[in-house]
PDB file of N, CA and C in Angstrom:
ATOM      1  N   UNK A   1     104.499   0.834  49.061  1.00  0.00           N
ATOM      2  CA  UNK A   1     104.431   1.835  48.004  1.00  0.00           C
ATOM      3  C   UNK A   1     103.129   1.700  47.198  1.00  0.00           C
ATOM      4  N   UNK A   2     102.787   0.456  46.846  1.00  0.00           N
ATOM      5  CA  UNK A   2     101.554   0.243  46.083  1.00  0.00           C
ATOM      6  C   UNK A   2     100.334   0.665  46.896  1.00  0.00           C
ATOM      7  N   UNK A   3     100.367   0.365  48.189  1.00  0.00           N
ATOM      8  CA  UNK A   3      99.255   0.736  49.060  1.00  0.00           C
ATOM      9  C   UNK A   3      99.108   2.250  49.120  1.00  0.00           C
ATOM     10  N   UNK A   4     100.223   2.946  49.185  1.00  0.00           N
ATOM     11  CA  UNK A   4     100.192   4.410  49.242  1.00  0.00           C
ATOM     12  C   UNK A   4      99.611   4.986  47.947  1.00  0.00           C
ATOM     13  N   UNK A   5     100.025   4.445  46.807  1.00  0.00           N
ATOM     14  CA  UNK A   5      99.500   4.923  45.530  1.00  0.00           C
ATOM     15  C   UNK A   5      98.009   4.632  45.409  1.00  0.00           C
ATOM     16  N   UNK A   6      97.588   3.473  45.870  1.00  0.00           N
ATOM     17  CA  UNK A   6      96.166   3.129  45.824  1.00  0.00           C
ATOM     18  C   UNK A   6      95.363   4.070  46.717  1.00  0.00           C
ATOM     19  N   UNK A   7      95.903   4.371  47.898  1.00  0.00           N
ATOM     20  CA  UNK A   7      95.217   5.296  48.810  1.00  0.00           C
ATOM     21  C   UNK A   7      95.074   6.675  48.190  1.00  0.00           C
ATOM     22  N   UNK A   8      96.137   7.144  47.549  1.00  0.00           N
ATOM     23  CA  UNK A   8      96.082   8.450  46.891  1.00  0.00           C
ATOM     24  C   UNK A   8      95.072   8.462  45.748  1.00  0.00           C
ATOM     25  N   UNK A   9      95.012   7.391  45.008  1.00  0.00           N
ATOM     26  CA  UNK A   9      94.069   7.304  43.891  1.00  0.00           C
ATOM     27  C   UNK A   9      92.630   7.333  44.409  1.00  0.00           C
ATOM     28  N   UNK A  10      92.374   6.598  45.488  1.00  0.00           N
ATOM     29  CA  UNK A  10      91.022   6.568  46.056  1.00  0.00           C
ATOM     30  C   UNK A  10      90.662   7.941  46.619  1.00  0.00           C
ATOM     31  N   UNK A  11      91.588   8.554  47.361  1.00  0.00           N
ATOM     32  CA  UNK A  11      91.336   9.880  47.923  1.00  0.00           C
ATOM     33  C   UNK A  11      91.075  10.883  46.808  1.00  0.00           C
ATOM     34  N   UNK A  12      91.851  10.825  45.739  1.00  0.00           N
ATOM     35  CA  UNK A  12      91.655  11.727  44.599  1.00  0.00           C
ATOM     36  C   UNK A  12      90.295  11.540  43.962  1.00  0.00           C
ATOM     37  N   UNK A  13      89.849  10.305  43.867  1.00  0.00           N
ATOM     38  CA  UNK A  13      88.535  10.033  43.271  1.00  0.00           C
ATOM     39  C   UNK A  13      87.429  10.640  44.126  1.00  0.00           C
ATOM     40  N   UNK A  14      87.553  10.518  45.442  1.00  0.00           N
ATOM     41  CA  UNK A  14      86.538  11.109  46.308  1.00  0.00           C
ATOM     42  C   UNK A  14      86.575  12.622  46.264  1.00  0.00           C
ATOM     43  N   UNK A  15      87.769  13.188  46.180  1.00  0.00           N
ATOM     44  CA  UNK A  15      87.896  14.649  46.119  1.00  0.00           C
ATOM     45  C   UNK A  15      87.262  15.177  44.845  1.00  0.00           C
ATOM     46  N   UNK A  16      87.577  14.562  43.713  1.00  0.00           N
ATOM     47  CA  UNK A  16      86.992  14.996  42.438  1.00  0.00           C
ATOM     48  C   UNK A  16      85.490  14.764  42.459  1.00  0.00           C
ATOM     49  N   UNK A  17      85.056  13.639  42.987  1.00  0.00           N
ATOM     50  CA  UNK A  17      83.626  13.349  43.065  1.00  0.00           C
ATOM     51  C   UNK A  17      82.890  14.372  43.906  1.00  0.00           C
ATOM     52  N   UNK A  18      83.507  14.796  45.003  1.00  0.00           N
ATOM     53  CA  UNK A  18      82.903  15.804  45.858  1.00  0.00           C
ATOM     54  C   UNK A  18      82.736  17.129  45.139  1.00  0.00           C
ATOM     55  N   UNK A  19      83.726  17.494  44.343  1.00  0.00           N
ATOM     56  CA  UNK A  19      83.637  18.743  43.590  1.00  0.00           C
ATOM     57  C   UNK A  19      82.521  18.660  42.558  1.00  0.00           C
ATOM     58  N   UNK A  20      82.365  17.507  41.956  1.00  0.00           N
ATOM     59  CA  UNK A  20      81.293  17.338  40.968  1.00  0.00           C
ATOM     60  C   UNK A  20      79.928  17.487  41.625  1.00  0.00           C
ATOM     61  N   UNK A  21      79.794  16.945  42.832  1.00  0.00           N
ATOM     62  CA  UNK A  21      78.526  17.054  43.546  1.00  0.00           C
ATOM     63  C   UNK A  21      78.242  18.506  43.888  1.00  0.00           C
ATOM     64  N   UNK A  22      79.282  19.242  44.332  1.00  0.00           N
ATOM     65  CA  UNK A  22      79.095  20.654  44.659  1.00  0.00           C
ATOM     66  C   UNK A  22      78.675  21.442  43.432  1.00  0.00           C
ATOM     67  N   UNK A  23      79.310  21.168  42.283  1.00  0.00           N
ATOM     68  CA  UNK A  23      78.951  21.879  41.051  1.00  0.00           C
ATOM     69  C   UNK A  23      77.535  21.547  40.624  1.00  0.00           C
ATOM     70  N   UNK A  24      77.141  20.288  40.754  1.00  0.00           N
ATOM     71  CA  UNK A  24      75.779  19.896  40.380  1.00  0.00           C
ATOM     72  C   UNK A  24      74.765  20.592  41.280  1.00  0.00           C
ATOM     73  N   UNK A  25      75.076  20.696  42.565  1.00  0.00           N
ATOM     74  CA  UNK A  25      74.166  21.371  43.489  1.00  0.00           C
ATOM     75  C   UNK A  25      74.075  22.853  43.151  1.00  0.00           C
ATOM     76  N   UNK A  26      75.213  23.463  42.815  1.00  0.00           N
ATOM     77  CA  UNK A  26      75.214  24.880  42.447  1.00  0.00           C
ATOM     78  C   UNK A  26      74.418  25.094  41.163  1.00  0.00           C
ATOM     79  N   UNK A  27      74.593  24.200  40.190  1.00  0.00           N
ATOM     80  CA  UNK A  27      73.838  24.313  38.935  1.00  0.00           C
ATOM     81  C   UNK A  27      72.341  24.193  39.199  1.00  0.00           C
ATOM     82  N   UNK A  28      71.969  23.281  40.072  1.00  0.00           N
ATOM     83  CA  UNK A  28      70.549  23.102  40.399  1.00  0.00           C
ATOM     84  C   UNK A  28      70.015  24.345  41.101  1.00  0.00           C
ATOM     85  N   UNK A  29      70.811  24.920  41.974  1.00  0.00           N
ATOM     86  CA  UNK A  29      70.396  26.123  42.688  1.00  0.00           C
ATOM     87  C   UNK A  29      70.164  27.273  41.704  1.00  0.00           C
ATOM     88  N   UNK A  30      71.095  27.460  40.786  1.00  0.00           N
ATOM     89  CA  UNK A  30      70.967  28.536  39.789  1.00  0.00           C
ATOM     90  C   UNK A  30      69.757  28.280  38.896  1.00  0.00           C
ATOM     91  N   UNK A  31      69.516  27.037  38.538  1.00  0.00           N
ATOM     92  CA  UNK A  31      68.345  26.707  37.714  1.00  0.00           C
ATOM     93  C   UNK A  31      67.053  27.064  38.446  1.00  0.00           C
ATOM     94  N   UNK A  32      67.014  26.817  39.763  1.00  0.00           N
ATOM     95  CA  UNK A  32      65.838  27.176  40.549  1.00  0.00           C
ATOM     96  C   UNK A  32      65.676  28.691  40.608  1.00  0.00           C
ATOM     97  N   UNK A  33      66.798  29.410  40.692  1.00  0.00           N
ATOM     98  CA  UNK A  33      66.746  30.878  40.698  1.00  0.00           C
ATOM     99  C   UNK A  33      66.172  31.394  39.381  1.00  0.00           C
ATOM    100  N   UNK A  34      66.632  30.825  38.285  1.00  0.00           N
ATOM    101  CA  UNK A  34      66.153  31.264  36.965  1.00  0.00           C
ATOM    102  C   UNK A  34      64.672  30.953  36.786  1.00  0.00           C
ATOM    103  N   UNK A  35      64.246  29.807  37.313  1.00  0.00           N
ATOM    104  CA  UNK A  35      62.834  29.452  37.237  1.00  0.00           C
ATOM    105  C   UNK A  35      61.984  30.447  38.034  1.00  0.00           C
ATOM    106  N   UNK A  36      62.452  30.796  39.224  1.00  0.00           N
ATOM    107  CA  UNK A  36      61.739  31.776  40.048  1.00  0.00           C
ATOM    108  C   UNK A  36      61.720  33.136  39.346  1.00  0.00           C
ATOM    109  N   UNK A  37      62.802  33.478  38.663  1.00  0.00           N
ATOM    110  CA  UNK A  37      62.884  34.748  37.923  1.00  0.00           C
ATOM    111  C   UNK A  37      61.854  34.772  36.797  1.00  0.00           C
ATOM    112  N   UNK A  38      61.754  33.658  36.090  1.00  0.00           N
ATOM    113  CA  UNK A  38      60.761  33.579  35.013  1.00  0.00           C
ATOM    114  C   UNK A  38      59.343  33.700  35.562  1.00  0.00           C
ATOM    115  N   UNK A  39      59.068  33.061  36.699  1.00  0.00           N
ATOM    116  CA  UNK A  39      57.750  33.163  37.313  1.00  0.00           C
ATOM    117  C   UNK A  39      57.462  34.597  37.756  1.00  0.00           C
ATOM    118  N   UNK A  40      58.477  35.268  38.278  1.00  0.00           N
ATOM    119  CA  UNK A  40      58.326  36.662  38.697  1.00  0.00           C
ATOM    120  C   UNK A  40      57.987  37.551  37.491  1.00  0.00           C
ATOM    121  N   UNK A  41      58.712  37.337  36.396  1.00  0.00           N
ATOM    122  CA  UNK A  41      58.441  38.137  35.185  1.00  0.00           C
ATOM    123  C   UNK A  41      57.041  37.885  34.663  1.00  0.00           C
ATOM    124  N   UNK A  42      56.607  36.626  34.689  1.00  0.00           N
ATOM    125  CA  UNK A  42      55.249  36.312  34.227  1.00  0.00           C
ATOM    126  C   UNK A  42      54.206  36.950  35.131  1.00  0.00           C
ATOM    127  N   UNK A  43      54.443  36.907  36.426  1.00  0.00           N
ATOM    128  CA  UNK A  43      53.492  37.489  37.380  1.00  0.00           C
ATOM    129  C   UNK A  43      53.398  39.001  37.204  1.00  0.00           C
ATOM    130  N   UNK A  44      54.527  39.625  36.875  1.00  0.00           N
ATOM    131  CA  UNK A  44      54.546  41.077  36.674  1.00  0.00           C
ATOM    132  C   UNK A  44      54.214  41.474  35.240  1.00  0.00           C
ATOM    133  N   UNK A  45      54.044  40.463  34.376  1.00  0.00           N
ATOM    134  CA  UNK A  45      53.739  40.702  32.958  1.00  0.00           C
ATOM    135  C   UNK A  45      54.724  41.689  32.343  1.00  0.00           C
ATOM    136  N   UNK A  46      56.007  41.451  32.653  1.00  0.00           N
ATOM    137  CA  UNK A  46      57.054  42.335  32.142  1.00  0.00           C
ATOM    138  C   UNK A  46      58.239  41.495  31.676  1.00  0.00           C
ATOM    139  N   UNK A  47      58.799  41.883  30.533  1.00  0.00           N
ATOM    140  CA  UNK A  47      59.983  41.196  30.034  1.00  0.00           C
ATOM    141  C   UNK A  47      61.182  41.552  30.900  1.00  0.00           C
ATOM    142  N   UNK A  48      61.255  42.793  31.309  1.00  0.00           N
ATOM    143  CA  UNK A  48      62.347  43.255  32.152  1.00  0.00           C
ATOM    144  C   UNK A  48      61.762  43.932  33.389  1.00  0.00           C
ATOM    145  N   UNK A  49      62.105  43.410  34.543  1.00  0.00           N
ATOM    146  CA  UNK A  49      61.608  43.967  35.792  1.00  0.00           C
ATOM    147  C   UNK A  49      62.787  44.131  36.748  1.00  0.00           C
ATOM    148  N   UNK A  50      63.085  45.350  37.174  1.00  0.00           N
ATOM    149  CA  UNK A  50      64.199  45.553  38.102  1.00  0.00           C
ATOM    150  C   UNK A  50      64.035  44.752  39.395  1.00  0.00           C
ATOM    151  N   UNK A  51      62.793  44.619  39.869  1.00  0.00           N
ATOM    152  CA  UNK A  51      62.549  43.856  41.095  1.00  0.00           C
ATOM    153  C   UNK A  51      62.892  42.377  40.881  1.00  0.00           C
ATOM    154  N   UNK A  52      62.434  41.821  39.773  1.00  0.00           N
ATOM    155  CA  UNK A  52      62.717  40.417  39.477  1.00  0.00           C
ATOM    156  C   UNK A  52      64.213  40.199  39.256  1.00  0.00           C
ATOM    157  N   UNK A  53      64.849  41.139  38.578  1.00  0.00           N
ATOM    158  CA  UNK A  53      66.287  41.030  38.326  1.00  0.00           C
ATOM    159  C   UNK A  53      67.070  41.071  39.637  1.00  0.00           C
ATOM    160  N   UNK A  54      66.655  41.924  40.565  1.00  0.00           N
ATOM    161  CA  UNK A  54      67.326  42.019  41.864  1.00  0.00           C
ATOM    162  C   UNK A  54      67.144  40.720  42.655  1.00  0.00           C
ATOM    163  N   UNK A  55      65.948  40.145  42.585  1.00  0.00           N
ATOM    164  CA  UNK A  55      65.705  38.877  43.272  1.00  0.00           C
ATOM    165  C   UNK A  55      66.555  37.767  42.673  1.00  0.00           C
ATOM    166  N   UNK A  56      66.678  37.762  41.341  1.00  0.00           N
ATOM    167  CA  UNK A  56      67.502  36.766  40.670  1.00  0.00           C
ATOM    168  C   UNK A  56      68.953  36.886  41.123  1.00  0.00           C
ATOM    169  N   UNK A  57      69.481  38.086  41.136  1.00  0.00           N
ATOM    170  CA  UNK A  57      70.874  38.283  41.526  1.00  0.00           C
ATOM    171  C   UNK A  57      71.108  37.867  42.970  1.00  0.00           C
ATOM    172  N   UNK A  58      70.185  38.213  43.863  1.00  0.00           N
ATOM    173  CA  UNK A  58      70.316  37.830  45.268  1.00  0.00           C
ATOM    174  C   UNK A  58      70.283  36.307  45.414  1.00  0.00           C
ATOM    175  N   UNK A  59      69.427  35.665  44.655  1.00  0.00           N
ATOM    176  CA  UNK A  59      69.313  34.210  44.708  1.00  0.00           C
ATOM    177  C   UNK A  59      70.605  33.548  44.215  1.00  0.00           C
ATOM    178  N   UNK A  60      71.126  34.031  43.106  1.00  0.00           N
ATOM    179  CA  UNK A  60      72.371  33.463  42.564  1.00  0.00           C
ATOM    180  C   UNK A  60      73.529  33.705  43.534  1.00  0.00           C
ATOM    181  N   UNK A  61      73.547  34.851  44.183  1.00  0.00           N
ATOM    182  CA  UNK A  61      74.583  35.124  45.175  1.00  0.00           C
ATOM    183  C   UNK A  61      74.502  34.126  46.329  1.00  0.00           C
ATOM    184  N   UNK A  62      73.292  33.779  46.747  1.00  0.00           N
ATOM    185  CA  UNK A  62      73.128  32.783  47.816  1.00  0.00           C
ATOM    186  C   UNK A  62      73.623  31.419  47.365  1.00  0.00           C
ATOM    187  N   UNK A  63      73.428  31.097  46.098  1.00  0.00           N
ATOM    188  CA  UNK A  63      73.917  29.811  45.572  1.00  0.00           C
ATOM    189  C   UNK A  63      75.441  29.729  45.668  1.00  0.00           C
ATOM    190  N   UNK A  64      76.093  30.841  45.384  1.00  0.00           N
ATOM    191  CA  UNK A  64      77.558  30.872  45.432  1.00  0.00           C
ATOM    192  C   UNK A  64      78.104  30.787  46.840  1.00  0.00           C
ATOM    193  N   UNK A  65      77.349  31.254  47.831  1.00  0.00           N
ATOM    194  CA  UNK A  65      77.815  31.222  49.217  1.00  0.00           C
ATOM    195  C   UNK A  65      77.802  29.814  49.788  1.00  0.00           C
ATOM    196  N   UNK A  66      77.044  28.931  49.163  1.00  0.00           N
ATOM    197  CA  UNK A  66      76.974  27.561  49.649  1.00  0.00           C
ATOM    198  C   UNK A  66      78.206  26.742  49.320  1.00  0.00           C
ATOM    199  N   UNK A  67      79.091  27.256  48.515  1.00  0.00           N
ATOM    200  CA  UNK A  67      80.292  26.520  48.102  1.00  0.00           C
ATOM    201  C   UNK A  67      81.331  26.531  49.170  1.00  0.00           C
TER     202      UNK A  67
END
């Protein structure tokens, strides 16, 4: 019984740890998308650019597909 509980605790720790890694990777991906969006806006010298906004949305969508 103790062995079973220990196994479950270890498995749970790895499962939660894996989710944390996935979230960190997703956060990093979104941060890279936002950085690219800012560079696009600077290059276009525009505060609001439909092209840059579309690229940002496509990039964030790709980040979500990696989950």
